[in-house]
Amino acid sequence: MSEADTTQFTSEQVRHLASLVRIELTESEVEEFRSELASILSHIDALSEIDTEGVPPTNNGADLLNVQDSDAAQPAMPREAVLANAPQREDDYFRVHAVLDQS
């Protein structure tokens, strides 16, 4: 890969991407990702050179049918059966630790 290819992403752009996905990168990792991202873009550019004239658009290479189960109402399980293996329960409810900050 030439030096010109690694300039497709600046260090600041890589840091910005890292902040969006909530990861911290060292300076050496920033430079490594600059190179890797440039390589990915190079492969994408190569795909754009493929002649797709006459090829119909598709979202899947296989002929798949909708295999989802029907969304039919079913009787609920008995409450005692549902709560039978609960680690903690309070009356007819699961007891869980608070997950929201109250501040």
PDB file of N, CA and C in Angstrom:
ATOM      1  N   MET A   1       0.849  -1.168   0.000  1.00  0.00           N
ATOM      2  CA  MET A   1       0.000   0.000   0.000  1.00  0.00           C
ATOM      3  C   MET A   1       0.898   1.235   0.000  1.00  0.00           C
ATOM      4  N   SER A   2       0.574   2.176  -0.835  1.00  0.00           N
ATOM      5  CA  SER A   2       1.404   3.364  -0.941  1.00  0.00           C
ATOM      6  C   SER A   2       1.092   4.341   0.192  1.00  0.00           C
ATOM      7  N   GLU A   3       2.007   5.278   0.400  1.00  0.00           N
ATOM      8  CA  GLU A   3       1.826   6.282   1.451  1.00  0.00           C
ATOM      9  C   GLU A   3       0.591   7.139   1.178  1.00  0.00           C
ATOM     10  N   ALA A   4       0.280   7.350  -0.123  1.00  0.00           N
ATOM     11  CA  ALA A   4      -0.892   8.166  -0.473  1.00  0.00           C
ATOM     12  C   ALA A   4      -2.180   7.509  -0.002  1.00  0.00           C
ATOM     13  N   ASP A   5      -2.207   6.160  -0.003  1.00  0.00           N
ATOM     14  CA  ASP A   5      -3.420   5.467   0.422  1.00  0.00           C
ATOM     15  C   ASP A   5      -3.714   5.699   1.900  1.00  0.00           C
ATOM     16  N   THR A   6      -2.673   5.797   2.741  1.00  0.00           N
ATOM     17  CA  THR A   6      -2.903   5.953   4.174  1.00  0.00           C
ATOM     18  C   THR A   6      -3.382   7.353   4.521  1.00  0.00           C
ATOM     19  N   THR A   7      -3.311   8.295   3.612  1.00  0.00           N
ATOM     20  CA  THR A   7      -3.782   9.650   3.900  1.00  0.00           C
ATOM     21  C   THR A   7      -5.274   9.795   3.631  1.00  0.00           C
ATOM     22  N   GLN A   8      -5.947   8.717   3.216  1.00  0.00           N
ATOM     23  CA  GLN A   8      -7.384   8.810   2.988  1.00  0.00           C
ATOM     24  C   GLN A   8      -8.116   9.077   4.296  1.00  0.00           C
ATOM     25  N   PHE A   9      -7.534   8.654   5.397  1.00  0.00           N
ATOM     26  CA  PHE A   9      -8.087   8.933   6.715  1.00  0.00           C
ATOM     27  C   PHE A   9      -7.036   9.685   7.507  1.00  0.00           C
ATOM     28  N   THR A  10      -7.432  10.792   8.104  1.00  0.00           N
ATOM     29  CA  THR A  10      -6.506  11.508   8.975  1.00  0.00           C
ATOM     30  C   THR A  10      -6.556  10.880  10.366  1.00  0.00           C
ATOM     31  N   SER A  11      -5.549  11.168  11.159  1.00  0.00           N
ATOM     32  CA  SER A  11      -5.533  10.669  12.534  1.00  0.00           C
ATOM     33  C   SER A  11      -6.748  11.178  13.292  1.00  0.00           C
ATOM     34  N   GLU A  12      -7.125  12.408  13.026  1.00  0.00           N
ATOM     35  CA  GLU A  12      -8.286  12.992  13.711  1.00  0.00           C
ATOM     36  C   GLU A  12      -9.572  12.245  13.328  1.00  0.00           C
ATOM     37  N   GLN A  13      -9.709  11.852  12.073  1.00  0.00           N
ATOM     38  CA  GLN A  13     -10.892  11.093  11.656  1.00  0.00           C
ATOM     39  C   GLN A  13     -10.935   9.729  12.347  1.00  0.00           C
ATOM     40  N   VAL A  14      -9.785   9.091  12.476  1.00  0.00           N
ATOM     41  CA  VAL A  14      -9.738   7.791  13.159  1.00  0.00           C
ATOM     42  C   VAL A  14     -10.105   7.971  14.628  1.00  0.00           C
ATOM     43  N   ARG A  15      -9.601   9.008  15.267  1.00  0.00           N
ATOM     44  CA  ARG A  15      -9.951   9.272  16.669  1.00  0.00           C
ATOM     45  C   ARG A  15     -11.462   9.535  16.809  1.00  0.00           C
ATOM     46  N   HIS A  16     -12.015  10.258  15.844  1.00  0.00           N
ATOM     47  CA  HIS A  16     -13.454  10.530  15.872  1.00  0.00           C
ATOM     48  C   HIS A  16     -14.252   9.232  15.751  1.00  0.00           C
ATOM     49  N   LEU A  17     -13.874   8.368  14.817  1.00  0.00           N
ATOM     50  CA  LEU A  17     -14.536   7.072  14.683  1.00  0.00           C
ATOM     51  C   LEU A  17     -14.418   6.261  15.970  1.00  0.00           C
ATOM     52  N   ALA A  18     -13.254   6.284  16.582  1.00  0.00           N
ATOM     53  CA  ALA A  18     -13.036   5.557  17.834  1.00  0.00           C
ATOM     54  C   ALA A  18     -13.945   6.102  18.932  1.00  0.00           C
ATOM     55  N   SER A  19     -14.121   7.405  18.979  1.00  0.00           N
ATOM     56  CA  SER A  19     -14.989   7.983  20.004  1.00  0.00           C
ATOM     57  C   SER A  19     -16.452   7.599  19.766  1.00  0.00           C
ATOM     58  N   LEU A  20     -16.842   7.474  18.509  1.00  0.00           N
ATOM     59  CA  LEU A  20     -18.222   7.078  18.197  1.00  0.00           C
ATOM     60  C   LEU A  20     -18.528   5.661  18.661  1.00  0.00           C
ATOM     61  N   VAL A  21     -17.529   4.783  18.603  1.00  0.00           N
ATOM     62  CA  VAL A  21     -17.741   3.395  19.033  1.00  0.00           C
ATOM     63  C   VAL A  21     -17.211   3.162  20.447  1.00  0.00           C
ATOM     64  N   ARG A  22     -16.858   4.253  21.114  1.00  0.00           N
ATOM     65  CA  ARG A  22     -16.471   4.219  22.525  1.00  0.00           C
ATOM     66  C   ARG A  22     -15.258   3.329  22.804  1.00  0.00           C
ATOM     67  N   ILE A  23     -14.215   3.467  21.966  1.00  0.00           N
ATOM     68  CA  ILE A  23     -12.967   2.762  22.243  1.00  0.00           C
ATOM     69  C   ILE A  23     -11.841   3.772  22.336  1.00  0.00           C
ATOM     70  N   GLU A  24     -10.857   3.456  23.152  1.00  0.00           N
ATOM     71  CA  GLU A  24      -9.678   4.297  23.273  1.00  0.00           C
ATOM     72  C   GLU A  24      -8.561   3.680  22.457  1.00  0.00           C
ATOM     73  N   LEU A  25      -7.836   4.513  21.711  1.00  0.00           N
ATOM     74  CA  LEU A  25      -6.737   4.045  20.880  1.00  0.00           C
ATOM     75  C   LEU A  25      -5.451   4.757  21.261  1.00  0.00           C
ATOM     76  N   THR A  26      -4.352   4.018  21.259  1.00  0.00           N
ATOM     77  CA  THR A  26      -3.039   4.641  21.429  1.00  0.00           C
ATOM     78  C   THR A  26      -2.645   5.265  20.096  1.00  0.00           C
ATOM     79  N   GLU A  27      -1.596   6.062  20.100  1.00  0.00           N
ATOM     80  CA  GLU A  27      -1.144   6.685  18.850  1.00  0.00           C
ATOM     81  C   GLU A  27      -0.755   5.643  17.815  1.00  0.00           C
ATOM     82  N   SER A  28      -0.100   4.559  18.269  1.00  0.00           N
ATOM     83  CA  SER A  28       0.293   3.515  17.308  1.00  0.00           C
ATOM     84  C   SER A  28      -0.947   2.820  16.744  1.00  0.00           C
ATOM     85  N   GLU A  29      -1.992   2.649  17.561  1.00  0.00           N
ATOM     86  CA  GLU A  29      -3.225   2.039  17.070  1.00  0.00           C
ATOM     87  C   GLU A  29      -3.939   2.954  16.086  1.00  0.00           C
ATOM     88  N   VAL A  30      -3.886   4.271  16.328  1.00  0.00           N
ATOM     89  CA  VAL A  30      -4.491   5.227  15.396  1.00  0.00           C
ATOM     90  C   VAL A  30      -3.835   5.077  14.028  1.00  0.00           C
ATOM     91  N   GLU A  31      -2.519   5.008  14.002  1.00  0.00           N
ATOM     92  CA  GLU A  31      -1.807   4.867  12.728  1.00  0.00           C
ATOM     93  C   GLU A  31      -2.115   3.520  12.078  1.00  0.00           C
ATOM     94  N   GLU A  32      -2.214   2.480  12.884  1.00  0.00           N
ATOM     95  CA  GLU A  32      -2.538   1.147  12.352  1.00  0.00           C
ATOM     96  C   GLU A  32      -3.932   1.150  11.728  1.00  0.00           C
ATOM     97  N   PHE A  33      -4.892   1.778  12.416  1.00  0.00           N
ATOM     98  CA  PHE A  33      -6.251   1.828  11.877  1.00  0.00           C
ATOM     99  C   PHE A  33      -6.342   2.725  10.651  1.00  0.00           C
ATOM    100  N   ARG A  34      -5.535   3.763  10.583  1.00  0.00           N
ATOM    101  CA  ARG A  34      -5.516   4.592   9.373  1.00  0.00           C
ATOM    102  C   ARG A  34      -5.171   3.723   8.172  1.00  0.00           C
ATOM    103  N   SER A  35      -4.161   2.883   8.342  1.00  0.00           N
ATOM    104  CA  SER A  35      -3.732   1.999   7.266  1.00  0.00           C
ATOM    105  C   SER A  35      -4.806   0.964   6.947  1.00  0.00           C
ATOM    106  N   GLU A  36      -5.405   0.365   7.977  1.00  0.00           N
ATOM    107  CA  GLU A  36      -6.427  -0.662   7.758  1.00  0.00           C
ATOM    108  C   GLU A  36      -7.670  -0.089   7.093  1.00  0.00           C
ATOM    109  N   LEU A  37      -8.090   1.092   7.524  1.00  0.00           N
ATOM    110  CA  LEU A  37      -9.263   1.717   6.915  1.00  0.00           C
ATOM    111  C   LEU A  37      -8.996   2.070   5.456  1.00  0.00           C
ATOM    112  N   ALA A  38      -7.790   2.520   5.166  1.00  0.00           N
ATOM    113  CA  ALA A  38      -7.426   2.825   3.778  1.00  0.00           C
ATOM    114  C   ALA A  38      -7.465   1.559   2.933  1.00  0.00           C
ATOM    115  N   SER A  39      -7.024   0.440   3.506  1.00  0.00           N
ATOM    116  CA  SER A  39      -7.066  -0.833   2.796  1.00  0.00           C
ATOM    117  C   SER A  39      -8.501  -1.251   2.508  1.00  0.00           C
ATOM    118  N   ILE A  40      -9.378  -1.073   3.476  1.00  0.00           N
ATOM    119  CA  ILE A  40     -10.788  -1.409   3.278  1.00  0.00           C
ATOM    120  C   ILE A  40     -11.383  -0.563   2.155  1.00  0.00           C
ATOM    121  N   LEU A  41     -11.082   0.727   2.171  1.00  0.00           N
ATOM    122  CA  LEU A  41     -11.595   1.603   1.103  1.00  0.00           C
ATOM    123  C   LEU A  41     -11.040   1.204  -0.254  1.00  0.00           C
ATOM    124  N   SER A  42      -9.803   0.747  -0.275  1.00  0.00           N
ATOM    125  CA  SER A  42      -9.202   0.294  -1.523  1.00  0.00           C
ATOM    126  C   SER A  42      -9.956  -0.903  -2.082  1.00  0.00           C
ATOM    127  N   HIS A  43     -10.339  -1.837  -1.221  1.00  0.00           N
ATOM    128  CA  HIS A  43     -11.109  -2.992  -1.665  1.00  0.00           C
ATOM    129  C   HIS A  43     -12.487  -2.572  -2.164  1.00  0.00           C
ATOM    130  N   ILE A  44     -13.103  -1.624  -1.504  1.00  0.00           N
ATOM    131  CA  ILE A  44     -14.412  -1.128  -1.940  1.00  0.00           C
ATOM    132  C   ILE A  44     -14.289  -0.445  -3.292  1.00  0.00           C
ATOM    133  N   ASP A  45     -13.219   0.323  -3.484  1.00  0.00           N
ATOM    134  CA  ASP A  45     -12.987   0.962  -4.781  1.00  0.00           C
ATOM    135  C   ASP A  45     -12.829  -0.081  -5.875  1.00  0.00           C
ATOM    136  N   ALA A  46     -12.165  -1.190  -5.564  1.00  0.00           N
ATOM    137  CA  ALA A  46     -11.991  -2.254  -6.559  1.00  0.00           C
ATOM    138  C   ALA A  46     -13.349  -2.837  -6.953  1.00  0.00           C
ATOM    139  N   LEU A  47     -14.260  -2.956  -5.995  1.00  0.00           N
ATOM    140  CA  LEU A  47     -15.594  -3.470  -6.305  1.00  0.00           C
ATOM    141  C   LEU A  47     -16.352  -2.547  -7.248  1.00  0.00           C
ATOM    142  N   SER A  48     -16.113  -1.252  -7.137  1.00  0.00           N
ATOM    143  CA  SER A  48     -16.836  -0.307  -7.992  1.00  0.00           C
ATOM    144  C   SER A  48     -16.398  -0.415  -9.449  1.00  0.00           C
ATOM    145  N   GLU A  49     -15.271  -1.080  -9.714  1.00  0.00           N
ATOM    146  CA  GLU A  49     -14.789  -1.247 -11.082  1.00  0.00           C
ATOM    147  C   GLU A  49     -15.431  -2.442 -11.786  1.00  0.00           C
ATOM    148  N   ILE A  50     -16.171  -3.265 -11.064  1.00  0.00           N
ATOM    149  CA  ILE A  50     -16.795  -4.453 -11.641  1.00  0.00           C
ATOM    150  C   ILE A  50     -17.978  -4.039 -12.507  1.00  0.00           C
ATOM    151  N   ASP A  51     -18.057  -4.629 -13.705  1.00  0.00           N
ATOM    152  CA  ASP A  51     -19.167  -4.329 -14.619  1.00  0.00           C
ATOM    153  C   ASP A  51     -20.413  -5.061 -14.141  1.00  0.00           C
ATOM    154  N   THR A  52     -21.404  -4.324 -13.708  1.00  0.00           N
ATOM    155  CA  THR A  52     -22.650  -4.931 -13.227  1.00  0.00           C
ATOM    156  C   THR A  52     -23.813  -4.647 -14.188  1.00  0.00           C
ATOM    157  N   GLU A  53     -23.492  -4.270 -15.402  1.00  0.00           N
ATOM    158  CA  GLU A  53     -24.525  -3.998 -16.406  1.00  0.00           C
ATOM    159  C   GLU A  53     -25.355  -5.257 -16.631  1.00  0.00           C
ATOM    160  N   GLY A  54     -26.662  -5.142 -16.528  1.00  0.00           N
ATOM    161  CA  GLY A  54     -27.551  -6.269 -16.744  1.00  0.00           C
ATOM    162  C   GLY A  54     -27.734  -7.178 -15.540  1.00  0.00           C
ATOM    163  N   VAL A  55     -27.088  -6.871 -14.426  1.00  0.00           N
ATOM    164  CA  VAL A  55     -27.235  -7.677 -13.214  1.00  0.00           C
ATOM    165  C   VAL A  55     -28.325  -7.029 -12.363  1.00  0.00           C
ATOM    166  N   PRO A  56     -29.410  -7.771 -12.105  1.00  0.00           N
ATOM    167  CA  PRO A  56     -30.500  -7.146 -11.332  1.00  0.00           C
ATOM    168  C   PRO A  56     -30.087  -6.937  -9.877  1.00  0.00           C
ATOM    169  N   PRO A  57     -30.571  -5.868  -9.265  1.00  0.00           N
ATOM    170  CA  PRO A  57     -30.261  -5.625  -7.854  1.00  0.00           C
ATOM    171  C   PRO A  57     -30.846  -6.735  -6.985  1.00  0.00           C
ATOM    172  N   THR A  58     -30.162  -7.041  -5.907  1.00  0.00           N
ATOM    173  CA  THR A  58     -30.635  -8.068  -4.993  1.00  0.00           C
ATOM    174  C   THR A  58     -30.191  -7.719  -3.586  1.00  0.00           C
ATOM    175  N   ASN A  59     -30.918  -8.222  -2.617  1.00  0.00           N
ATOM    176  CA  ASN A  59     -30.511  -8.011  -1.235  1.00  0.00           C
ATOM    177  C   ASN A  59     -30.050  -9.316  -0.602  1.00  0.00           C
ATOM    178  N   ASN A  60     -30.128 -10.417  -1.387  1.00  0.00           N
ATOM    179  CA  ASN A  60     -29.722 -11.705  -0.854  1.00  0.00           C
ATOM    180  C   ASN A  60     -29.371 -12.611  -2.024  1.00  0.00           C
ATOM    181  N   GLY A  61     -28.290 -13.341  -1.914  1.00  0.00           N
ATOM    182  CA  GLY A  61     -27.864 -14.222  -2.988  1.00  0.00           C
ATOM    183  C   GLY A  61     -28.628 -15.529  -3.045  1.00  0.00           C
ATOM    184  N   ALA A  62     -29.396 -15.837  -2.027  1.00  0.00           N
ATOM    185  CA  ALA A  62     -30.148 -17.094  -1.988  1.00  0.00           C
ATOM    186  C   ALA A  62     -31.642 -16.798  -2.025  1.00  0.00           C
ATOM    187  N   ASP A  63     -32.383 -17.719  -2.565  1.00  0.00           N
ATOM    188  CA  ASP A  63     -33.835 -17.566  -2.615  1.00  0.00           C
ATOM    189  C   ASP A  63     -34.428 -18.026  -1.288  1.00  0.00           C
ATOM    190  N   LEU A  64     -34.471 -17.139  -0.334  1.00  0.00           N
ATOM    191  CA  LEU A  64     -35.019 -17.456   0.977  1.00  0.00           C
ATOM    192  C   LEU A  64     -36.440 -16.950   1.073  1.00  0.00           C
ATOM    193  N   LEU A  65     -37.248 -17.708   1.743  1.00  0.00           N
ATOM    194  CA  LEU A  65     -38.622 -17.291   2.003  1.00  0.00           C
ATOM    195  C   LEU A  65     -38.714 -16.796   3.432  1.00  0.00           C
ATOM    196  N   ASN A  66     -39.766 -16.093   3.729  1.00  0.00           N
ATOM    197  CA  ASN A  66     -39.991 -15.645   5.093  1.00  0.00           C
ATOM    198  C   ASN A  66     -40.227 -16.875   5.962  1.00  0.00           C
ATOM    199  N   VAL A  67     -39.326 -17.127   6.885  1.00  0.00           N
ATOM    200  CA  VAL A  67     -39.415 -18.328   7.707  1.00  0.00           C
ATOM    201  C   VAL A  67     -39.844 -18.001   9.132  1.00  0.00           C
ATOM    202  N   GLN A  68     -40.400 -16.828   9.336  1.00  0.00           N
ATOM    203  CA  GLN A  68     -40.838 -16.449  10.663  1.00  0.00           C
ATOM    204  C   GLN A  68     -42.094 -17.223  11.050  1.00  0.00           C
ATOM    205  N   ASP A  69     -42.204 -17.491  12.320  1.00  0.00           N
ATOM    206  CA  ASP A  69     -43.378 -18.173  12.855  1.00  0.00           C
ATOM    207  C   ASP A  69     -44.554 -17.201  12.844  1.00  0.00           C
ATOM    208  N   SER A  70     -45.739 -17.741  12.774  1.00  0.00           N
ATOM    209  CA  SER A  70     -46.916 -16.872  12.798  1.00  0.00           C
ATOM    210  C   SER A  70     -46.998 -16.169  14.158  1.00  0.00           C
ATOM    211  N   ASP A  71     -47.560 -15.006  14.144  1.00  0.00           N
ATOM    212  CA  ASP A  71     -47.668 -14.209  15.370  1.00  0.00           C
ATOM    213  C   ASP A  71     -49.054 -14.431  15.964  1.00  0.00           C
ATOM    214  N   ALA A  72     -49.293 -15.650  16.423  1.00  0.00           N
ATOM    215  CA  ALA A  72     -50.601 -16.000  16.964  1.00  0.00           C
ATOM    216  C   ALA A  72     -50.553 -15.964  18.489  1.00  0.00           C
ATOM    217  N   ALA A  73     -51.614 -15.475  19.082  1.00  0.00           N
ATOM    218  CA  ALA A  73     -51.700 -15.424  20.541  1.00  0.00           C
ATOM    219  C   ALA A  73     -51.753 -16.840  21.096  1.00  0.00           C
ATOM    220  N   GLN A  74     -51.042 -17.040  22.200  1.00  0.00           N
ATOM    221  CA  GLN A  74     -51.035 -18.340  22.866  1.00  0.00           C
ATOM    222  C   GLN A  74     -51.315 -18.115  24.340  1.00  0.00           C
ATOM    223  N   PRO A  75     -51.844 -19.114  25.006  1.00  0.00           N
ATOM    224  CA  PRO A  75     -52.114 -18.948  26.437  1.00  0.00           C
ATOM    225  C   PRO A  75     -50.811 -18.709  27.201  1.00  0.00           C
ATOM    226  N   ALA A  76     -50.888 -17.853  28.196  1.00  0.00           N
ATOM    227  CA  ALA A  76     -49.710 -17.565  29.010  1.00  0.00           C
ATOM    228  C   ALA A  76     -49.424 -18.731  29.943  1.00  0.00           C
ATOM    229  N   MET A  77     -48.143 -18.847  30.342  1.00  0.00           N
ATOM    230  CA  MET A  77     -47.787 -19.878  31.321  1.00  0.00           C
ATOM    231  C   MET A  77     -48.379 -19.493  32.672  1.00  0.00           C
ATOM    232  N   PRO A  78     -48.651 -20.475  33.504  1.00  0.00           N
ATOM    233  CA  PRO A  78     -49.140 -20.149  34.852  1.00  0.00           C
ATOM    234  C   PRO A  78     -48.081 -19.356  35.625  1.00  0.00           C
ATOM    235  N   ARG A  79     -48.529 -18.377  36.381  1.00  0.00           N
ATOM    236  CA  ARG A  79     -47.635 -17.486  37.107  1.00  0.00           C
ATOM    237  C   ARG A  79     -46.661 -18.260  37.996  1.00  0.00           C
ATOM    238  N   GLU A  80     -47.137 -19.254  38.700  1.00  0.00           N
ATOM    239  CA  GLU A  80     -46.266 -20.014  39.596  1.00  0.00           C
ATOM    240  C   GLU A  80     -45.186 -20.763  38.821  1.00  0.00           C
ATOM    241  N   ALA A  81     -45.503 -21.252  37.648  1.00  0.00           N
ATOM    242  CA  ALA A  81     -44.508 -21.951  36.826  1.00  0.00           C
ATOM    243  C   ALA A  81     -43.425 -20.979  36.356  1.00  0.00           C
ATOM    244  N   VAL A  82     -43.829 -19.764  36.016  1.00  0.00           N
ATOM    245  CA  VAL A  82     -42.879 -18.750  35.561  1.00  0.00           C
ATOM    246  C   VAL A  82     -41.950 -18.356  36.707  1.00  0.00           C
ATOM    247  N   LEU A  83     -42.489 -18.171  37.884  1.00  0.00           N
ATOM    248  CA  LEU A  83     -41.707 -17.704  39.027  1.00  0.00           C
ATOM    249  C   LEU A  83     -41.001 -18.830  39.787  1.00  0.00           C
ATOM    250  N   ALA A  84     -41.231 -20.069  39.407  1.00  0.00           N
ATOM    251  CA  ALA A  84     -40.697 -21.215  40.158  1.00  0.00           C
ATOM    252  C   ALA A  84     -39.176 -21.182  40.285  1.00  0.00           C
ATOM    253  N   ASN A  85     -38.462 -20.763  39.265  1.00  0.00           N
ATOM    254  CA  ASN A  85     -36.994 -20.762  39.300  1.00  0.00           C
ATOM    255  C   ASN A  85     -36.401 -19.366  39.446  1.00  0.00           C
ATOM    256  N   ALA A  86     -37.206 -18.409  39.836  1.00  0.00           N
ATOM    257  CA  ALA A  86     -36.699 -17.042  40.014  1.00  0.00           C
ATOM    258  C   ALA A  86     -35.693 -17.020  41.155  1.00  0.00           C
ATOM    259  N   PRO A  87     -34.526 -16.402  40.956  1.00  0.00           N
ATOM    260  CA  PRO A  87     -33.550 -16.323  42.042  1.00  0.00           C
ATOM    261  C   PRO A  87     -34.101 -15.577  43.256  1.00  0.00           C
ATOM    262  N   GLN A  88     -34.885 -14.529  42.987  1.00  0.00           N
ATOM    263  CA  GLN A  88     -35.546 -13.783  44.059  1.00  0.00           C
ATOM    264  C   GLN A  88     -36.916 -13.366  43.538  1.00  0.00           C
ATOM    265  N   ARG A  89     -37.880 -13.393  44.403  1.00  0.00           N
ATOM    266  CA  ARG A  89     -39.192 -12.917  44.009  1.00  0.00           C
ATOM    267  C   ARG A  89     -39.814 -12.164  45.160  1.00  0.00           C
ATOM    268  N   GLU A  90     -40.726 -11.294  44.808  1.00  0.00           N
ATOM    269  CA  GLU A  90     -41.463 -10.519  45.798  1.00  0.00           C
ATOM    270  C   GLU A  90     -42.923 -10.575  45.393  1.00  0.00           C
ATOM    271  N   ASP A  91     -43.713 -11.240  46.177  1.00  0.00           N
ATOM    272  CA  ASP A  91     -45.117 -11.501  45.852  1.00  0.00           C
ATOM    273  C   ASP A  91     -45.187 -12.222  44.501  1.00  0.00           C
ATOM    274  N   ASP A  92     -45.861 -11.620  43.549  1.00  0.00           N
ATOM    275  CA  ASP A  92     -46.002 -12.253  42.236  1.00  0.00           C
ATOM    276  C   ASP A  92     -45.063 -11.641  41.188  1.00  0.00           C
ATOM    277  N   TYR A  93     -43.916 -11.126  41.619  1.00  0.00           N
ATOM    278  CA  TYR A  93     -42.999 -10.444  40.711  1.00  0.00           C
ATOM    279  C   TYR A  93     -41.581 -10.969  40.889  1.00  0.00           C
ATOM    280  N   PHE A  94     -40.767 -10.836  39.835  1.00  0.00           N
ATOM    281  CA  PHE A  94     -39.337 -11.081  39.950  1.00  0.00           C
ATOM    282  C   PHE A  94     -38.733  -9.914  40.717  1.00  0.00           C
ATOM    283  N   ARG A  95     -37.815 -10.179  41.621  1.00  0.00           N
ATOM    284  CA  ARG A  95     -37.101  -9.112  42.309  1.00  0.00           C
ATOM    285  C   ARG A  95     -35.731  -9.006  41.660  1.00  0.00           C
ATOM    286  N   VAL A  96     -35.405  -7.808  41.185  1.00  0.00           N
ATOM    287  CA  VAL A  96     -34.127  -7.570  40.515  1.00  0.00           C
ATOM    288  C   VAL A  96     -33.451  -6.358  41.118  1.00  0.00           C
ATOM    289  N   HIS A  97     -32.138  -6.258  40.910  1.00  0.00           N
ATOM    290  CA  HIS A  97     -31.392  -5.085  41.367  1.00  0.00           C
ATOM    291  C   HIS A  97     -31.783  -3.876  40.518  1.00  0.00           C
ATOM    292  N   ALA A  98     -31.761  -2.713  41.110  1.00  0.00           N
ATOM    293  CA  ALA A  98     -32.063  -1.484  40.372  1.00  0.00           C
ATOM    294  C   ALA A  98     -31.042  -1.300  39.259  1.00  0.00           C
ATOM    295  N   VAL A  99     -31.502  -0.912  38.101  1.00  0.00           N
ATOM    296  CA  VAL A  99     -30.603  -0.732  36.968  1.00  0.00           C
ATOM    297  C   VAL A  99     -30.512   0.719  36.499  1.00  0.00           C
ATOM    298  N   LEU A 100     -31.337   1.566  37.024  1.00  0.00           N
ATOM    299  CA  LEU A 100     -31.324   2.976  36.640  1.00  0.00           C
ATOM    300  C   LEU A 100     -30.765   3.820  37.756  1.00  0.00           C
ATOM    301  N   ASP A 101     -29.936   4.777  37.382  1.00  0.00           N
ATOM    302  CA  ASP A 101     -29.368   5.708  38.355  1.00  0.00           C
ATOM    303  C   ASP A 101     -30.454   6.683  38.778  1.00  0.00           C
ATOM    304  N   GLN A 102     -30.677   6.840  40.058  1.00  0.00           N
ATOM    305  CA  GLN A 102     -31.743   7.693  40.549  1.00  0.00           C
ATOM    306  C   GLN A 102     -31.298   9.153  40.733  1.00  0.00           C
ATOM    307  N   SER A 103     -30.066   9.474  40.370  1.00  0.00           N
ATOM    308  CA  SER A 103     -29.588  10.847  40.592  1.00  0.00           C
ATOM    309  C   SER A 103     -30.024  11.792  39.510  1.00  0.00           C
TER     310      SER A 103
END
